[in-house]
PDB file of N, CA and C in Angstrom:
ATOM      1  N   MET A   1     166.113 213.171   1.412  1.00  0.00           N
ATOM      2  CA  MET A   1     166.488 212.132   2.336  1.00  0.00           C
ATOM      3  C   MET A   1     166.091 210.790   1.739  1.00  0.00           C
ATOM      4  N   ARG A   2     167.056 209.888   1.681  1.00  0.00           N
ATOM      5  CA  ARG A   2     166.816 208.588   1.084  1.00  0.00           C
ATOM      6  C   ARG A   2     166.986 207.488   2.120  1.00  0.00           C
ATOM      7  N   ALA A   3     165.964 206.686   2.292  1.00  0.00           N
ATOM      8  CA  ALA A   3     166.094 205.537   3.189  1.00  0.00           C
ATOM      9  C   ALA A   3     166.998 204.524   2.508  1.00  0.00           C
ATOM     10  N   ARG A   4     167.733 203.784   3.287  1.00  0.00           N
ATOM     11  CA  ARG A   4     168.674 202.843   2.705  1.00  0.00           C
ATOM     12  C   ARG A   4     168.294 201.419   3.003  1.00  0.00           C
ATOM     13  N   ARG A   5     168.954 200.519   2.301  1.00  0.00           N
ATOM     14  CA  ARG A   5     168.729 199.093   2.536  1.00  0.00           C
ATOM     15  C   ARG A   5     169.434 198.696   3.829  1.00  0.00           C
ATOM     16  N   THR A   6     168.931 197.651   4.431  1.00  0.00           N
ATOM     17  CA  THR A   6     169.580 197.140   5.639  1.00  0.00           C
ATOM     18  C   THR A   6     170.570 196.044   5.247  1.00  0.00           C
ATOM     19  N   ASP A   7     171.563 195.832   6.114  1.00  0.00           N
ATOM     20  CA  ASP A   7     172.518 194.755   5.892  1.00  0.00           C
ATOM     21  C   ASP A   7     171.828 193.411   6.086  1.00  0.00           C
ATOM     22  N   ALA A   8     172.418 192.366   5.515  1.00  0.00           N
ATOM     23  CA  ALA A   8     171.811 191.032   5.547  1.00  0.00           C
ATOM     24  C   ALA A   8     171.614 190.514   6.965  1.00  0.00           C
ATOM     25  N   ASN A   9     172.449 190.940   7.899  1.00  0.00           N
ATOM     26  CA  ASN A   9     172.371 190.453   9.282  1.00  0.00           C
ATOM     27  C   ASN A   9     171.547 191.366  10.192  1.00  0.00           C
ATOM     28  N   HIS A  10     170.924 192.370   9.638  1.00  0.00           N
ATOM     29  CA  HIS A  10     170.176 193.370  10.420  1.00  0.00           C
ATOM     30  C   HIS A  10     169.107 192.722  11.307  1.00  0.00           C
ATOM     31  N   ALA A  11     168.213 191.946  10.700  1.00  0.00           N
ATOM     32  CA  ALA A  11     167.109 191.343  11.461  1.00  0.00           C
ATOM     33  C   ALA A  11     167.631 190.378  12.523  1.00  0.00           C
ATOM     34  N   GLU A  12     168.648 189.597  12.175  1.00  0.00           N
ATOM     35  CA  GLU A  12     169.212 188.638  13.121  1.00  0.00           C
ATOM     36  C   GLU A  12     169.798 189.346  14.346  1.00  0.00           C
ATOM     37  N   LEU A  13     170.591 190.389  14.120  1.00  0.00           N
ATOM     38  CA  LEU A  13     171.234 191.089  15.237  1.00  0.00           C
ATOM     39  C   LEU A  13     170.221 191.865  16.064  1.00  0.00           C
ATOM     40  N   MET A  14     169.229 192.445  15.405  1.00  0.00           N
ATOM     41  CA  MET A  14     168.179 193.156  16.123  1.00  0.00           C
ATOM     42  C   MET A  14     167.381 192.174  16.995  1.00  0.00           C
ATOM     43  N   GLY A  15     167.056 191.020  16.454  1.00  0.00           N
ATOM     44  CA  GLY A  15     166.330 190.007  17.215  1.00  0.00           C
ATOM     45  C   GLY A  15     167.133 189.498  18.401  1.00  0.00           C
ATOM     46  N   LEU A  16     168.422 189.277  18.203  1.00  0.00           N
ATOM     47  CA  LEU A  16     169.277 188.827  19.298  1.00  0.00           C
ATOM     48  C   LEU A  16     169.334 189.883  20.400  1.00  0.00           C
ATOM     49  N   ALA A  17     169.469 191.140  20.019  1.00  0.00           N
ATOM     50  CA  ALA A  17     169.503 192.211  21.021  1.00  0.00           C
ATOM     51  C   ALA A  17     168.239 192.182  21.878  1.00  0.00           C
ATOM     52  N   ARG A  18     167.110 191.966  21.254  1.00  0.00           N
ATOM     53  CA  ARG A  18     165.854 191.878  22.009  1.00  0.00           C
ATOM     54  C   ARG A  18     165.835 190.646  22.905  1.00  0.00           C
ATOM     55  N   MET A  19     166.356 189.528  22.386  1.00  0.00           N
ATOM     56  CA  MET A  19     166.372 188.284  23.170  1.00  0.00           C
ATOM     57  C   MET A  19     167.221 188.404  24.433  1.00  0.00           C
ATOM     58  N   VAL A  20     168.279 189.214  24.381  1.00  0.00           N
ATOM     59  CA  VAL A  20     169.150 189.345  25.553  1.00  0.00           C
ATOM     60  C   VAL A  20     168.737 190.503  26.454  1.00  0.00           C
ATOM     61  N   GLY A  21     167.547 191.063  26.199  1.00  0.00           N
ATOM     62  CA  GLY A  21     166.982 192.027  27.130  1.00  0.00           C
ATOM     63  C   GLY A  21     167.116 193.493  26.787  1.00  0.00           C
ATOM     64  N   LEU A  22     167.616 193.800  25.594  1.00  0.00           N
ATOM     65  CA  LEU A  22     167.701 195.206  25.210  1.00  0.00           C
ATOM     66  C   LEU A  22     166.372 195.650  24.609  1.00  0.00           C
ATOM     67  N   LYS A  23     165.998 196.872  24.866  1.00  0.00           N
ATOM     68  CA  LYS A  23     164.841 197.482  24.201  1.00  0.00           C
ATOM     69  C   LYS A  23     165.378 198.062  22.901  1.00  0.00           C
ATOM     70  N   VAL A  24     164.764 197.713  21.772  1.00  0.00           N
ATOM     71  CA  VAL A  24     165.320 198.064  20.468  1.00  0.00           C
ATOM     72  C   VAL A  24     164.288 198.779  19.613  1.00  0.00           C
ATOM     73  N   TRP A  25     164.723 199.865  18.995  1.00  0.00           N
ATOM     74  CA  TRP A  25     163.894 200.580  18.033  1.00  0.00           C
ATOM     75  C   TRP A  25     164.641 200.592  16.713  1.00  0.00           C
ATOM     76  N   ASP A  26     164.010 200.082  15.657  1.00  0.00           N
ATOM     77  CA  ASP A  26     164.623 200.032  14.331  1.00  0.00           C
ATOM     78  C   ASP A  26     164.483 201.395  13.660  1.00  0.00           C
ATOM     79  N   THR A  27     165.596 202.065  13.452  1.00  0.00           N
ATOM     80  CA  THR A  27     165.590 203.400  12.842  1.00  0.00           C
ATOM     81  C   THR A  27     166.228 203.390  11.456  1.00  0.00           C
ATOM     82  N   SER A  28     166.392 202.200  10.883  1.00  0.00           N
ATOM     83  CA  SER A  28     167.094 202.076   9.606  1.00  0.00           C
ATOM     84  C   SER A  28     166.407 202.809   8.461  1.00  0.00           C
ATOM     85  N   ARG A  29     165.128 202.988   8.551  1.00  0.00           N
ATOM     86  CA  ARG A  29     164.409 203.659   7.460  1.00  0.00           C
ATOM     87  C   ARG A  29     164.535 205.178   7.500  1.00  0.00           C
ATOM     88  N   LEU A  30     165.097 205.709   8.561  1.00  0.00           N
ATOM     89  CA  LEU A  30     165.265 207.162   8.633  1.00  0.00           C
ATOM     90  C   LEU A  30     166.250 207.667   7.596  1.00  0.00           C
ATOM     91  N   GLY A  31     167.266 206.849   7.308  1.00  0.00           N
ATOM     92  CA  GLY A  31     168.245 207.242   6.300  1.00  0.00           C
ATOM     93  C   GLY A  31     169.010 208.486   6.692  1.00  0.00           C
ATOM     94  N   ASN A  32     169.576 209.161   5.719  1.00  0.00           N
ATOM     95  CA  ASN A  32     170.311 210.411   5.923  1.00  0.00           C
ATOM     96  C   ASN A  32     171.443 210.268   6.949  1.00  0.00           C
ATOM     97  N   GLY A  33     172.013 209.067   7.055  1.00  0.00           N
ATOM     98  CA  GLY A  33     173.134 208.849   7.950  1.00  0.00           C
ATOM     99  C   GLY A  33     172.777 208.461   9.370  1.00  0.00           C
ATOM    100  N   PHE A  34     171.478 208.487   9.709  1.00  0.00           N
ATOM    101  CA  PHE A  34     171.098 208.118  11.067  1.00  0.00           C
ATOM    102  C   PHE A  34     171.359 206.629  11.260  1.00  0.00           C
ATOM    103  N   PRO A  35     171.885 206.228  12.428  1.00  0.00           N
ATOM    104  CA  PRO A  35     172.186 204.815  12.667  1.00  0.00           C
ATOM    105  C   PRO A  35     170.967 203.901  12.537  1.00  0.00           C
ATOM    106  N   ASP A  36     171.259 202.609  12.383  1.00  0.00           N
ATOM    107  CA  ASP A  36     170.226 201.608  12.123  1.00  0.00           C
ATOM    108  C   ASP A  36     169.292 201.342  13.289  1.00  0.00           C
ATOM    109  N   LEU A  37     169.834 201.405  14.510  1.00  0.00           N
ATOM    110  CA  LEU A  37     169.039 201.076  15.696  1.00  0.00           C
ATOM    111  C   LEU A  37     169.283 202.089  16.806  1.00  0.00           C
ATOM    112  N   VAL A  38     168.301 202.189  17.674  1.00  0.00           N
ATOM    113  CA  VAL A  38     168.480 202.812  18.979  1.00  0.00           C
ATOM    114  C   VAL A  38     168.119 201.716  19.962  1.00  0.00           C
ATOM    115  N   TRP A  39     169.053 201.403  20.859  1.00  0.00           N
ATOM    116  CA  TRP A  39     168.731 200.393  21.861  1.00  0.00           C
ATOM    117  C   TRP A  39     169.034 200.914  23.243  1.00  0.00           C
ATOM    118  N   ALA A  40     168.369 200.318  24.222  1.00  0.00           N
ATOM    119  CA  ALA A  40     168.514 200.791  25.598  1.00  0.00           C
ATOM    120  C   ALA A  40     168.466 199.614  26.552  1.00  0.00           C
ATOM    121  N   TYR A  41     169.126 199.839  27.683  1.00  0.00           N
ATOM    122  CA  TYR A  41     169.067 198.880  28.776  1.00  0.00           C
ATOM    123  C   TYR A  41     169.078 199.675  30.071  1.00  0.00           C
ATOM    124  N   GLY A  42     167.985 199.596  30.806  1.00  0.00           N
ATOM    125  CA  GLY A  42     167.898 200.255  32.103  1.00  0.00           C
ATOM    126  C   GLY A  42     168.153 201.751  32.071  1.00  0.00           C
ATOM    127  N   GLY A  43     167.783 202.411  31.004  1.00  0.00           N
ATOM    128  CA  GLY A  43     167.971 203.856  30.915  1.00  0.00           C
ATOM    129  C   GLY A  43     169.233 204.291  30.200  1.00  0.00           C
ATOM    130  N   ILE A  44     170.123 203.359  29.883  1.00  0.00           N
ATOM    131  CA  ILE A  44     171.303 203.682  29.087  1.00  0.00           C
ATOM    132  C   ILE A  44     170.922 203.474  27.626  1.00  0.00           C
ATOM    133  N   VAL A  45     171.107 204.502  26.826  1.00  0.00           N
ATOM    134  CA  VAL A  45     170.669 204.484  25.425  1.00  0.00           C
ATOM    135  C   VAL A  45     171.885 204.576  24.510  1.00  0.00           C
ATOM    136  N   GLU A  46     171.868 203.789  23.446  1.00  0.00           N
ATOM    137  CA  GLU A  46     172.943 203.835  22.454  1.00  0.00           C
ATOM    138  C   GLU A  46     172.378 203.885  21.042  1.00  0.00           C
ATOM    139  N   LEU A  47     173.090 204.584  20.180  1.00  0.00           N
ATOM    140  CA  LEU A  47     172.826 204.564  18.749  1.00  0.00           C
ATOM    141  C   LEU A  47     173.707 203.463  18.173  1.00  0.00           C
ATOM    142  N   VAL A  48     173.160 202.653  17.266  1.00  0.00           N
ATOM    143  CA  VAL A  48     173.869 201.475  16.780  1.00  0.00           C
ATOM    144  C   VAL A  48     173.839 201.421  15.254  1.00  0.00           C
ATOM    145  N   GLU A  49     175.006 201.268  14.674  1.00  0.00           N
ATOM    146  CA  GLU A  49     175.132 201.067  13.230  1.00  0.00           C
ATOM    147  C   GLU A  49     175.482 199.603  12.985  1.00  0.00           C
ATOM    148  N   ILE A  50     174.692 198.945  12.150  1.00  0.00           N
ATOM    149  CA  ILE A  50     174.935 197.546  11.828  1.00  0.00           C
ATOM    150  C   ILE A  50     175.656 197.453  10.490  1.00  0.00           C
ATOM    151  N   LYS A  51     176.705 196.659  10.473  1.00  0.00           N
ATOM    152  CA  LYS A  51     177.412 196.317   9.243  1.00  0.00           C
ATOM    153  C   LYS A  51     177.520 194.807   9.188  1.00  0.00           C
ATOM    154  N   ASP A  52     177.577 194.261   7.997  1.00  0.00           N
ATOM    155  CA  ASP A  52     177.655 192.817   7.809  1.00  0.00           C
ATOM    156  C   ASP A  52     179.109 192.376   7.917  1.00  0.00           C
ATOM    157  N   GLY A  53     179.436 191.737   9.032  1.00  0.00           N
ATOM    158  CA  GLY A  53     180.797 191.305   9.292  1.00  0.00           C
ATOM    159  C   GLY A  53     181.312 190.235   8.348  1.00  0.00           C
ATOM    160  N   SER A  54     180.434 189.607   7.570  1.00  0.00           N
ATOM    161  CA  SER A  54     180.880 188.589   6.628  1.00  0.00           C
ATOM    162  C   SER A  54     181.399 189.200   5.327  1.00  0.00           C
ATOM    163  N   LYS A  55     181.161 190.478   5.131  1.00  0.00           N
ATOM    164  CA  LYS A  55     181.630 191.162   3.922  1.00  0.00           C
ATOM    165  C   LYS A  55     183.058 191.649   4.119  1.00  0.00           C
ATOM    166  N   PRO A  56     183.763 191.885   3.018  1.00  0.00           N
ATOM    167  CA  PRO A  56     185.126 192.422   3.140  1.00  0.00           C
ATOM    168  C   PRO A  56     185.083 193.827   3.747  1.00  0.00           C
ATOM    169  N   PRO A  57     186.179 194.240   4.393  1.00  0.00           N
ATOM    170  CA  PRO A  57     186.208 195.567   5.038  1.00  0.00           C
ATOM    171  C   PRO A  57     185.769 196.711   4.124  1.00  0.00           C
ATOM    172  N   SER A  58     186.095 196.648   2.863  1.00  0.00           N
ATOM    173  CA  SER A  58     185.714 197.729   1.944  1.00  0.00           C
ATOM    174  C   SER A  58     184.203 197.856   1.792  1.00  0.00           C
ATOM    175  N   LYS A  59     183.483 196.768   2.034  1.00  0.00           N
ATOM    176  CA  LYS A  59     182.015 196.778   1.933  1.00  0.00           C
ATOM    177  C   LYS A  59     181.350 197.094   3.264  1.00  0.00           C
ATOM    178  N   ARG A  60     182.153 197.247   4.320  1.00  0.00           N
ATOM    179  CA  ARG A  60     181.612 197.547   5.649  1.00  0.00           C
ATOM    180  C   ARG A  60     181.861 198.994   6.056  1.00  0.00           C
ATOM    181  N   ARG A  61     182.419 199.777   5.184  1.00  0.00           N
ATOM    182  CA  ARG A  61     182.702 201.174   5.515  1.00  0.00           C
ATOM    183  C   ARG A  61     181.412 201.953   5.736  1.00  0.00           C
ATOM    184  N   LEU A  62     181.527 202.975   6.574  1.00  0.00           N
ATOM    185  CA  LEU A  62     180.389 203.878   6.751  1.00  0.00           C
ATOM    186  C   LEU A  62     180.174 204.659   5.466  1.00  0.00           C
ATOM    187  N   THR A  63     178.920 204.944   5.162  1.00  0.00           N
ATOM    188  CA  THR A  63     178.625 205.783   4.005  1.00  0.00           C
ATOM    189  C   THR A  63     179.011 207.227   4.326  1.00  0.00           C
ATOM    190  N   LYS A  64     179.011 208.070   3.317  1.00  0.00           N
ATOM    191  CA  LYS A  64     179.321 209.489   3.543  1.00  0.00           C
ATOM    192  C   LYS A  64     178.341 210.108   4.531  1.00  0.00           C
ATOM    193  N   ALA A  65     177.069 209.750   4.407  1.00  0.00           N
ATOM    194  CA  ALA A  65     176.053 210.293   5.314  1.00  0.00           C
ATOM    195  C   ALA A  65     176.275 209.785   6.746  1.00  0.00           C
ATOM    196  N   GLU A  66     176.652 208.505   6.895  1.00  0.00           N
ATOM    197  CA  GLU A  66     176.920 207.958   8.222  1.00  0.00           C
ATOM    198  C   GLU A  66     178.152 208.619   8.846  1.00  0.00           C
ATOM    199  N   GLU A  67     179.176 208.855   8.039  1.00  0.00           N
ATOM    200  CA  GLU A  67     180.379 209.551   8.524  1.00  0.00           C
ATOM    201  C   GLU A  67     180.029 210.965   8.981  1.00  0.00           C
ATOM    202  N   ALA A  68     179.205 211.658   8.192  1.00  0.00           N
ATOM    203  CA  ALA A  68     178.806 213.029   8.543  1.00  0.00           C
ATOM    204  C   ALA A  68     178.037 213.045   9.855  1.00  0.00           C
ATOM    205  N   PHE A  69     177.152 212.085  10.055  1.00  0.00           N
ATOM    206  CA  PHE A  69     176.400 211.999  11.301  1.00  0.00           C
ATOM    207  C   PHE A  69     177.349 211.796  12.472  1.00  0.00           C
ATOM    208  N   LYS A  70     178.289 210.882  12.311  1.00  0.00           N
ATOM    209  CA  LYS A  70     179.251 210.592  13.375  1.00  0.00           C
ATOM    210  C   LYS A  70     180.121 211.809  13.689  1.00  0.00           C
ATOM    211  N   ARG A  71     180.508 212.559  12.668  1.00  0.00           N
ATOM    212  CA  ARG A  71     181.322 213.764  12.876  1.00  0.00           C
ATOM    213  C   ARG A  71     180.589 214.842  13.664  1.00  0.00           C
ATOM    214  N   MET A  72     179.274 214.771  13.709  1.00  0.00           N
ATOM    215  CA  MET A  72     178.494 215.735  14.497  1.00  0.00           C
ATOM    216  C   MET A  72     178.709 215.529  15.989  1.00  0.00           C
ATOM    217  N   GLY A  73     179.356 214.414  16.358  1.00  0.00           N
ATOM    218  CA  GLY A  73     179.681 214.183  17.757  1.00  0.00           C
ATOM    219  C   GLY A  73     178.837 213.148  18.457  1.00  0.00           C
ATOM    220  N   PHE A  74     177.948 212.517  17.724  1.00  0.00           N
ATOM    221  CA  PHE A  74     177.123 211.483  18.339  1.00  0.00           C
ATOM    222  C   PHE A  74     177.915 210.187  18.461  1.00  0.00           C
ATOM    223  N   PRO A  75     177.952 209.581  19.646  1.00  0.00           N
ATOM    224  CA  PRO A  75     178.621 208.276  19.757  1.00  0.00           C
ATOM    225  C   PRO A  75     177.742 207.203  19.117  1.00  0.00           C
ATOM    226  N   VAL A  76     178.350 206.426  18.248  1.00  0.00           N
ATOM    227  CA  VAL A  76     177.630 205.366  17.547  1.00  0.00           C
ATOM    228  C   VAL A  76     178.389 204.060  17.739  1.00  0.00           C
ATOM    229  N   ARG A  77     177.695 203.055  18.238  1.00  0.00           N
ATOM    230  CA  ARG A  77     178.303 201.726  18.411  1.00  0.00           C
ATOM    231  C   ARG A  77     178.197 200.969  17.090  1.00  0.00           C
ATOM    232  N   LEU A  78     179.298 200.421  16.632  1.00  0.00           N
ATOM    233  CA  LEU A  78     179.318 199.604  15.429  1.00  0.00           C
ATOM    234  C   LEU A  78     179.146 198.141  15.823  1.00  0.00           C
ATOM    235  N   VAL A  79     178.173 197.472  15.201  1.00  0.00           N
ATOM    236  CA  VAL A  79     177.869 196.075  15.492  1.00  0.00           C
ATOM    237  C   VAL A  79     177.932 195.300  14.179  1.00  0.00           C
ATOM    238  N   GLN A  80     178.742 194.215  14.185  1.00  0.00           N
ATOM    239  CA  GLN A  80     178.916 193.429  12.962  1.00  0.00           C
ATOM    240  C   GLN A  80     178.598 191.948  13.134  1.00  0.00           C
ATOM    241  N   SER A  81     178.387 191.508  14.371  1.00  0.00           N
ATOM    242  CA  SER A  81     178.231 190.067  14.613  1.00  0.00           C
ATOM    243  C   SER A  81     177.414 189.811  15.877  1.00  0.00           C
ATOM    244  N   THR A  82     177.042 188.551  16.064  1.00  0.00           N
ATOM    245  CA  THR A  82     176.335 188.176  17.281  1.00  0.00           C
ATOM    246  C   THR A  82     177.224 188.431  18.497  1.00  0.00           C
ATOM    247  N   GLU A  83     178.519 188.201  18.348  1.00  0.00           N
ATOM    248  CA  GLU A  83     179.455 188.456  19.452  1.00  0.00           C
ATOM    249  C   GLU A  83     179.436 189.927  19.854  1.00  0.00           C
ATOM    250  N   ASP A  84     179.321 190.822  18.873  1.00  0.00           N
ATOM    251  CA  ASP A  84     179.260 192.255  19.167  1.00  0.00           C
ATOM    252  C   ASP A  84     178.014 192.597  19.980  1.00  0.00           C
ATOM    253  N   VAL A  85     176.882 191.991  19.626  1.00  0.00           N
ATOM    254  CA  VAL A  85     175.637 192.242  20.362  1.00  0.00           C
ATOM    255  C   VAL A  85     175.759 191.739  21.792  1.00  0.00           C
ATOM    256  N   LEU A  86     176.270 190.510  21.957  1.00  0.00           N
ATOM    257  CA  LEU A  86     176.414 189.937  23.292  1.00  0.00           C
ATOM    258  C   LEU A  86     177.387 190.750  24.147  1.00  0.00           C
ATOM    259  N   SER A  87     178.461 191.220  23.548  1.00  0.00           N
ATOM    260  CA  SER A  87     179.429 192.053  24.259  1.00  0.00           C
ATOM    261  C   SER A  87     178.803 193.384  24.678  1.00  0.00           C
ATOM    262  N   ALA A  88     178.028 193.971  23.791  1.00  0.00           N
ATOM    263  CA  ALA A  88     177.360 195.242  24.107  1.00  0.00           C
ATOM    264  C   ALA A  88     176.391 195.065  25.267  1.00  0.00           C
ATOM    265  N   ALA A  89     175.604 193.987  25.234  1.00  0.00           N
ATOM    266  CA  ALA A  89     174.637 193.741  26.310  1.00  0.00           C
ATOM    267  C   ALA A  89     175.363 193.559  27.643  1.00  0.00           C
ATOM    268  N   LYS A  90     176.467 192.835  27.626  1.00  0.00           N
ATOM    269  CA  LYS A  90     177.250 192.623  28.845  1.00  0.00           C
ATOM    270  C   LYS A  90     177.801 193.949  29.378  1.00  0.00           C
ATOM    271  N   THR A  91     178.310 194.770  28.478  1.00  0.00           N
ATOM    272  CA  THR A  91     178.841 196.077  28.871  1.00  0.00           C
ATOM    273  C   THR A  91     177.744 196.972  29.433  1.00  0.00           C
ATOM    274  N   LEU A  92     176.582 196.982  28.807  1.00  0.00           N
ATOM    275  CA  LEU A  92     175.476 197.805  29.297  1.00  0.00           C
ATOM    276  C   LEU A  92     175.029 197.356  30.682  1.00  0.00           C
ATOM    277  N   ARG A  93     174.954 196.056  30.905  1.00  0.00           N
ATOM    278  CA  ARG A  93     174.581 195.545  32.239  1.00  0.00           C
ATOM    279  C   ARG A  93     175.607 195.971  33.292  1.00  0.00           C
ATOM    280  N   ARG A  94     176.885 195.829  32.957  1.00  0.00           N
ATOM    281  CA  ARG A  94     177.958 196.213  33.876  1.00  0.00           C
ATOM    282  C   ARG A  94     177.902 197.712  34.172  1.00  0.00           C
ATOM    283  N   ASP A  95     177.698 198.516  33.129  1.00  0.00           N
ATOM    284  CA  ASP A  95     177.618 199.968  33.323  1.00  0.00           C
ATOM    285  C   ASP A  95     176.431 200.354  34.190  1.00  0.00           C
ATOM    286  N   LEU A  96     175.290 199.699  33.982  1.00  0.00           N
ATOM    287  CA  LEU A  96     174.108 199.995  34.793  1.00  0.00           C
ATOM    288  C   LEU A  96     174.346 199.612  36.248  1.00  0.00           C
ATOM    289  N   GLU A  97     174.989 198.473  36.484  1.00  0.00           N
ATOM    290  CA  GLU A  97     175.310 198.075  37.859  1.00  0.00           C
ATOM    291  C   GLU A  97     176.225 199.103  38.522  1.00  0.00           C
ATOM    292  N   ALA A  98     177.205 199.611  37.793  1.00  0.00           N
ATOM    293  CA  ALA A  98     178.124 200.619  38.338  1.00  0.00           C
ATOM    294  C   ALA A  98     177.382 201.912  38.650  1.00  0.00           C
ATOM    295  N   ILE A  99     176.468 202.299  37.800  1.00  0.00           N
ATOM    296  CA  ILE A  99     175.668 203.507  38.020  1.00  0.00           C
ATOM    297  C   ILE A  99     174.826 203.331  39.286  1.00  0.00           C
ATOM    298  N   ASN A 100     174.184 202.178  39.386  1.00  0.00           N
ATOM    299  CA  ASN A 100     173.347 201.933  40.563  1.00  0.00           C
ATOM    300  C   ASN A 100     174.151 201.887  41.856  1.00  0.00           C
ATOM    301  N   ARG A 101     175.344 201.295  41.827  1.00  0.00           N
ATOM    302  CA  ARG A 101     176.202 201.276  43.018  1.00  0.00           C
ATOM    303  C   ARG A 101     176.613 202.699  43.393  1.00  0.00           C
ATOM    304  N   ALA A 102     176.938 203.512  42.411  1.00  0.00           N
ATOM    305  CA  ALA A 102     177.348 204.904  42.680  1.00  0.00           C
ATOM    306  C   ALA A 102     176.194 205.702  43.276  1.00  0.00           C
ATOM    307  N   ARG A 103     174.985 205.441  42.828  1.00  0.00           N
ATOM    308  CA  ARG A 103     173.821 206.155  43.359  1.00  0.00           C
ATOM    309  C   ARG A 103     173.574 205.802  44.813  1.00  0.00           C
ATOM    310  N   MET A 104     173.866 204.560  45.183  1.00  0.00           N
ATOM    311  CA  MET A 104     173.638 204.117  46.558  1.00  0.00           C
ATOM    312  C   MET A 104     174.746 204.554  47.492  1.00  0.00           C
ATOM    313  N   GLY A 105     175.828 205.004  46.905  1.00  0.00           N
ATOM    314  CA  GLY A 105     176.817 205.638  47.690  1.00  0.00           C
ATOM    315  C   GLY A 105     177.932 204.956  48.282  1.00  0.00           C
TER     316      GLY A 105
END
């Protein structure tokens, strides 16, 4: 198992996720195709793969190990920009509100 390097925007996007209220665990050193982050909001948990959106598409492809992990059936959110982080946080908040409304009946 080989740990991999992080993308240039890794720290920035991870910090932004924390600033907007997500609980974030950096899992980038696990390697072997495991996504870069695990983040959560109000009990909703997501696996997150970070790619550098400033690079050409050919440089943003998933590695063979990342593809293999994804093929196992785990949902992985791809994040490439600050807009992606903000959109994810908004979606998680909306989903949590819907869950809470459904619980109240």
